C-alpha cells in the first residue's frame, strides 16, 4: 500500500508540475505574440501616419485647423484616426504599452503638442463626441510609467 501511495503522489506531483510548466509556456507565448503584434502595428503606423506627420509643424497644423473643409484637414484627420485606433489597441491591452514606450514614447508624447490644435478644433466643432480620448489616455499612461521609472531611479541614486 505504501509503495502505491508514493507512486500515486509522485504521479500527482508530476502532473501538477507539468500543468504549471505548460501554463508558463502558454503565458510567455501570449506575451511574445502581443509584443510581435505591437511591433507589426507600430511599423504600419510609422509608415502610414508618423512619417507623414513629421512633415508638419505645430504652426502648420494650426493653419490647417482653421479650415475644416480643406483637403489637408481631412488628410490630417485621417492620420489622427489611425493614431487613435492604435491607441485603442494599447488601452485595451491588445498591444503592449511598454514596447511602444521603448520604441517611441517620447516622440509620441511630443507629437501630441504638434497635433493638439487639430484635436482642439475637432472638440470645438463637436462638443458631444469624444475626440482622441484614447490617444490622450495612452500618452498619459506612458507619461505616468516614465514618471514612475524616474522616481525609482532617483531613489536608487
Protein backbone atom coordinates (compact mmCIF):
# COMPACT_ATOMS: atom_id res chain seq x y z
CA UNK A 1 0.00 0.00 0.00
CA UNK A 2 2.72 2.47 0.90
CA UNK A 3 4.50 1.95 -2.41
CA UNK A 4 1.31 2.56 -4.38
CA UNK A 5 0.63 5.71 -2.34
CA UNK A 6 4.11 7.01 -3.12
CA UNK A 7 3.61 6.26 -6.82
CA UNK A 8 0.21 7.97 -6.83
CA UNK A 9 1.60 11.00 -5.03
CA UNK A 10 4.57 11.14 -7.43
CA UNK A 11 2.21 10.98 -10.41
CA UNK A 12 0.08 13.75 -8.93
CA UNK A 13 3.12 15.99 -8.31
CA UNK A 14 4.41 15.32 -11.80
CA UNK A 15 1.01 16.26 -13.24
CA UNK A 16 0.91 19.47 -11.22
CA UNK A 17 4.43 20.45 -12.31
CA UNK A 18 3.56 19.65 -15.92
CA UNK A 19 0.46 21.81 -15.70
CA UNK A 20 2.44 24.70 -14.18
CA UNK A 21 5.13 24.35 -16.85
CA UNK A 22 2.51 24.32 -19.61
CA UNK A 23 0.85 27.43 -18.16
CA UNK A 24 4.20 29.25 -18.06
CA UNK A 25 4.96 28.32 -21.67
CA UNK A 26 1.45 29.38 -22.74
CA UNK A 27 1.63 32.75 -20.96
CA UNK A 28 5.10 33.52 -22.32
CA UNK A 29 3.84 32.64 -25.81
CA UNK A 30 0.95 35.07 -25.41
CA UNK A 31 3.32 37.82 -24.28
CA UNK A 32 5.61 37.18 -27.23
CA UNK A 33 2.66 37.27 -29.65
CA UNK A 34 1.42 40.51 -28.10
CA UNK A 35 4.85 42.12 -28.44
CA UNK A 36 5.14 40.92 -32.03
CA UNK A 37 1.67 42.28 -32.82
CA UNK A 38 2.67 45.60 -31.25
CA UNK A 39 5.84 45.82 -33.33
CA UNK A 40 3.94 44.99 -36.52
CA UNK A 41 1.19 47.50 -35.79
CA UNK A 42 3.72 50.17 -34.89
CA UNK A 43 5.61 49.60 -38.14
CA UNK A 44 2.38 50.11 -40.08
CA UNK A 45 1.60 53.21 -38.01
CA UNK A 46 5.08 54.54 -38.71
CA UNK A 47 4.65 54.12 -42.46
CA UNK A 48 1.05 55.30 -42.71
CA UNK A 49 0.96 58.07 -40.13
CA UNK A 50 4.08 59.08 -38.24
CA UNK A 51 6.29 59.59 -41.29
CA UNK A 52 3.63 61.90 -42.74
CA UNK A 53 3.02 63.82 -39.51
CA UNK A 54 6.76 64.54 -39.33
CA UNK A 55 6.30 66.84 -42.32
CA UNK A 56 4.07 69.21 -40.34
CA UNK A 57 4.94 71.82 -37.74
CA UNK A 58 2.61 72.91 -34.98
CA UNK A 59 2.15 76.24 -36.75
CA UNK A 60 1.14 74.49 -39.96
CA UNK A 61 -1.31 72.28 -38.08
CA UNK A 62 -2.81 75.44 -36.54
CA UNK A 63 -3.25 76.92 -40.02
CA UNK A 64 -4.84 73.73 -41.34
CA UNK A 65 -7.13 73.52 -38.30
CA UNK A 66 -8.58 76.90 -39.21
CA UNK A 67 -10.01 75.39 -42.43
CA UNK A 68 -12.06 72.29 -41.51
CA UNK A 69 -13.25 71.84 -45.09
CA UNK A 70 -9.79 71.74 -46.65
CA UNK A 71 -8.24 68.58 -48.07
CA UNK A 72 -5.26 68.84 -45.72
CA UNK A 73 -7.63 69.00 -42.74
CA UNK A 74 -9.25 65.78 -43.95
CA UNK A 75 -5.84 64.21 -44.51
CA UNK A 76 -4.64 65.11 -41.00
CA UNK A 77 -7.94 63.86 -39.59
CA UNK A 78 -7.31 60.51 -41.26
CA UNK A 79 -3.84 60.29 -39.73
CA UNK A 80 -5.27 61.09 -36.32
CA UNK A 81 -7.97 58.45 -36.74
CA UNK A 82 -5.30 55.80 -37.37
CA UNK A 83 -3.33 57.04 -34.38
CA UNK A 84 -6.49 56.85 -32.25
CA UNK A 85 -7.13 53.26 -33.40
CA UNK A 86 -3.61 52.29 -32.40
CA UNK A 87 -4.07 53.98 -29.01
CA UNK A 88 -7.29 52.00 -28.54
CA UNK A 89 -5.27 48.82 -29.09
CA UNK A 90 -2.82 49.92 -26.42
CA UNK A 91 -5.52 50.92 -23.92
CA UNK A 92 -7.42 47.66 -24.30
CA UNK A 93 -4.31 45.52 -23.90
CA UNK A 94 -4.22 44.24 -27.47
CA UNK A 95 -0.84 45.92 -27.87
CA UNK A 96 1.90 46.30 -25.29
CA UNK A 97 2.36 49.84 -23.97
CA UNK A 98 5.87 49.08 -22.72
CA UNK A 99 7.02 48.13 -26.22
CA UNK A 100 5.58 51.35 -27.65
CA UNK A 101 7.10 53.37 -24.84
CA UNK A 102 10.53 51.94 -25.59
CA UNK A 103 10.11 52.41 -29.33
CA UNK A 104 8.75 55.94 -29.40
CA UNK A 105 7.38 57.06 -26.06
CA UNK A 106 8.98 60.49 -26.01
CA UNK A 107 8.29 61.01 -29.71
CA UNK A 108 4.58 60.26 -29.31
CA UNK A 109 4.30 62.50 -26.27
CA UNK A 110 5.95 65.31 -28.24
CA UNK A 111 3.68 64.64 -31.19
CA UNK A 112 0.69 65.46 -29.02
CA UNK A 113 1.84 69.08 -28.77
CA UNK A 114 2.13 69.29 -32.55
CA UNK A 115 -1.33 67.89 -33.31
CA UNK A 116 -3.16 69.44 -30.36
CA UNK A 117 -4.57 72.39 -32.37
CA UNK A 118 -6.40 69.96 -34.65
CA UNK A 119 -7.73 67.94 -31.74
CA UNK A 120 -8.96 71.09 -30.01
CA UNK A 121 -10.66 72.27 -33.21
CA UNK A 122 -12.47 68.93 -33.56
CA UNK A 123 -13.61 69.14 -29.94
CA UNK A 124 -14.80 72.69 -30.50
CA UNK A 125 -16.82 71.68 -33.58
CA UNK A 126 -18.44 68.69 -31.87
CA UNK A 127 -18.58 69.04 -28.10
CA UNK A 128 -20.58 65.85 -27.54
CA UNK A 129 -18.10 63.49 -29.19
CA UNK A 130 -15.02 62.11 -27.53
CA UNK A 131 -12.24 63.15 -29.85
CA UNK A 132 -8.94 61.40 -29.28
CA UNK A 133 -9.59 60.38 -25.68
CA UNK A 134 -7.89 57.04 -26.38
CA UNK A 135 -4.80 58.83 -27.65
CA UNK A 136 -4.66 61.03 -24.56
CA UNK A 137 -5.15 58.02 -22.28
CA UNK A 138 -2.30 56.15 -23.98
CA UNK A 139 0.05 59.12 -23.74
CA UNK A 140 -0.88 59.72 -20.10
CA UNK A 141 -0.22 56.06 -19.37
CA UNK A 142 3.23 56.33 -20.96
CA UNK A 143 3.97 59.54 -19.05
CA UNK A 144 2.92 58.00 -15.73
CA UNK A 145 5.07 54.98 -16.43
CA UNK A 146 8.01 57.24 -17.27
CA UNK A 147 7.48 59.33 -14.12
CA UNK A 148 7.37 56.15 -12.03
CA UNK A 149 10.62 54.96 -13.62
CA UNK A 150 12.26 58.34 -12.96
CA UNK A 151 11.13 58.24 -9.31
CA UNK A 152 12.59 54.76 -8.87
CA UNK A 153 15.89 55.82 -10.42
CA UNK A 154 16.12 58.90 -8.18
CA UNK A 155 15.57 56.77 -5.08
CA UNK A 156 18.30 54.34 -6.14
CA UNK A 157 20.87 57.10 -6.66
